[in-house]
Amino acid sequence: DIKMTLNEYQTAAMRTASGTSTANNENLILNGAMGLNGESGEIIDMLKKNMFQGHELDKEHLAKECGDVLWYIAILAKGLGYGLDEIAQMNVDKLRKRYPDGFSVEKSLNRKEGDV
């Protein structure tokens, strides 16, 4: 098993990002956001076919699509000037503040102003 940090993954992902030698941050942001939406669409299409069209859910294929989503998140984060480790920590900190005792419907429905 290969273990790596999210930042190590991001560095490896950038190796295969097109145009990185000349790409500016705006291009990385656009490529990341557009690709993320496309890959997310592929995931939801697989789930739709499973739920409504009788297709078997191919979990390995779904996992590979999740990897594609992660790749585009890595590109987007790089364009924003963040490492994936930092993005992950920011998210955990936000969720701990929002749900200090774990998820609750009440806290979800009644977020504090500015809680994004």
Protein backbone atom coordinates (compact mmCIF):
# COMPACT_ATOMS: atom_id res chain seq x y z
CA ASP A 1 0.00 0.00 0.00
CA ILE A 2 1.22 3.43 -0.97
CA LYS A 3 0.54 6.11 1.60
CA MET A 4 0.93 9.78 0.85
CA THR A 5 -0.21 13.09 2.19
CA LEU A 6 -2.77 15.12 0.31
CA ASN A 7 -0.05 17.61 -0.61
CA GLU A 8 2.09 14.80 -2.04
CA TYR A 9 -0.91 13.70 -4.10
CA GLN A 10 -1.41 17.28 -5.28
CA THR A 11 2.21 17.48 -6.41
CA ALA A 12 1.82 14.22 -8.32
CA ALA A 13 -1.45 15.44 -9.86
CA MET A 14 0.17 18.65 -11.07
CA ARG A 15 2.62 16.56 -13.09
CA THR A 16 -0.26 15.59 -15.37
CA ALA A 17 -2.08 18.93 -15.46
CA SER A 18 -1.98 20.29 -18.99
CA GLY A 19 -0.20 23.55 -19.61
CA THR A 20 1.17 23.95 -16.09
CA SER A 21 4.41 25.41 -17.38
CA THR A 22 2.50 28.33 -18.87
CA ALA A 23 -0.82 28.10 -17.01
CA ASN A 24 -1.71 30.93 -14.73
CA ASN A 25 -3.76 30.50 -11.59
CA GLU A 26 -6.96 31.52 -13.39
CA ASN A 27 -6.54 28.67 -15.88
CA LEU A 28 -5.95 26.18 -13.06
CA ILE A 29 -9.07 27.44 -11.28
CA LEU A 30 -11.18 27.20 -14.42
CA ASN A 31 -9.83 23.80 -15.45
CA GLY A 32 -10.31 22.50 -11.91
CA ALA A 33 -13.85 23.81 -11.49
CA MET A 34 -15.00 22.70 -14.93
CA GLY A 35 -13.42 19.28 -14.63
CA LEU A 36 -14.81 18.80 -11.14
CA ASN A 37 -18.31 19.41 -12.41
CA GLY A 38 -17.84 17.04 -15.34
CA GLU A 39 -16.52 14.23 -13.16
CA SER A 40 -19.23 14.79 -10.54
CA GLY A 41 -21.74 14.47 -13.36
CA GLU A 42 -20.26 11.10 -14.31
CA ILE A 43 -20.66 9.92 -10.71
CA ILE A 44 -24.28 11.01 -10.45
CA ASP A 45 -25.01 9.41 -13.84
CA MET A 46 -23.68 6.08 -12.55
CA LEU A 47 -25.91 6.36 -9.48
CA LYS A 48 -28.92 7.32 -11.63
CA LYS A 49 -28.43 4.29 -13.85
CA ASN A 50 -28.18 2.08 -10.76
CA MET A 51 -31.26 3.52 -9.08
CA PHE A 52 -33.57 3.94 -12.04
CA GLN A 53 -32.29 1.86 -14.97
CA GLY A 54 -31.32 -1.44 -13.37
CA HIS A 55 -27.56 -1.14 -13.82
CA GLU A 56 -25.27 -2.80 -11.31
CA LEU A 57 -23.29 -0.30 -9.25
CA ASP A 58 -19.65 -0.81 -10.21
CA LYS A 59 -17.93 0.36 -7.01
CA GLU A 60 -14.44 0.10 -8.46
CA HIS A 61 -15.43 2.30 -11.41
CA LEU A 62 -17.11 4.71 -8.99
CA ALA A 63 -13.95 4.81 -6.87
CA LYS A 64 -11.88 5.64 -9.96
CA GLU A 65 -14.26 8.48 -10.77
CA CYS A 66 -13.77 9.72 -7.19
CA GLY A 67 -10.05 9.79 -7.98
CA ASP A 68 -10.78 11.96 -11.01
CA VAL A 69 -12.78 14.32 -8.77
CA LEU A 70 -9.82 14.49 -6.37
CA TRP A 71 -7.47 15.26 -9.26
CA TYR A 72 -9.56 18.27 -10.31
CA ILE A 73 -9.85 19.44 -6.70
CA ALA A 74 -6.05 19.31 -6.49
CA ILE A 75 -5.74 21.47 -9.62
CA LEU A 76 -8.36 23.93 -8.39
CA ALA A 77 -6.74 24.23 -4.96
CA LYS A 78 -3.33 24.86 -6.58
CA GLY A 79 -4.85 27.65 -8.67
CA LEU A 80 -6.27 29.18 -5.49
CA GLY A 81 -2.85 29.00 -3.85
CA TYR A 82 -3.69 26.23 -1.36
CA GLY A 83 -2.30 22.80 -0.65
CA LEU A 84 -4.78 19.97 -0.21
CA ASP A 85 -3.59 19.38 3.37
CA GLU A 86 -4.53 22.99 4.15
CA ILE A 87 -7.90 22.70 2.39
CA ALA A 88 -8.68 19.51 4.34
CA GLN A 89 -7.70 21.13 7.65
CA MET A 90 -9.80 24.23 6.91
CA ASN A 91 -12.80 21.98 6.28
CA VAL A 92 -12.30 19.95 9.47
CA ASP A 93 -11.93 23.18 11.50
CA LYS A 94 -15.12 24.59 9.96
CA LEU A 95 -17.09 21.44 10.70
CA ARG A 96 -15.79 21.20 14.28
CA LYS A 97 -16.90 24.75 14.88
CA ARG A 98 -20.29 24.19 13.23
CA TYR A 99 -20.94 20.81 14.86
CA PRO A 100 -18.83 20.65 18.05
CA ASP A 101 -20.72 17.57 19.29
CA GLY A 102 -21.19 15.93 15.88
CA PHE A 103 -23.83 16.56 13.24
CA SER A 104 -27.21 17.86 14.32
CA VAL A 105 -30.20 18.78 12.19
CA GLU A 106 -30.87 21.79 14.42
CA LYS A 107 -27.40 23.25 13.87
CA SER A 108 -27.63 22.48 10.16
CA LEU A 109 -30.92 24.34 9.82
CA ASN A 110 -29.86 27.28 11.99
CA ARG A 111 -26.36 28.23 10.94
CA LYS A 112 -24.73 31.31 12.34
CA GLU A 113 -24.37 34.32 10.07
CA GLY A 114 -21.24 34.05 7.95
CA ASP A 115 -21.02 30.26 8.34
CA VAL A 116 -20.17 29.07 4.80
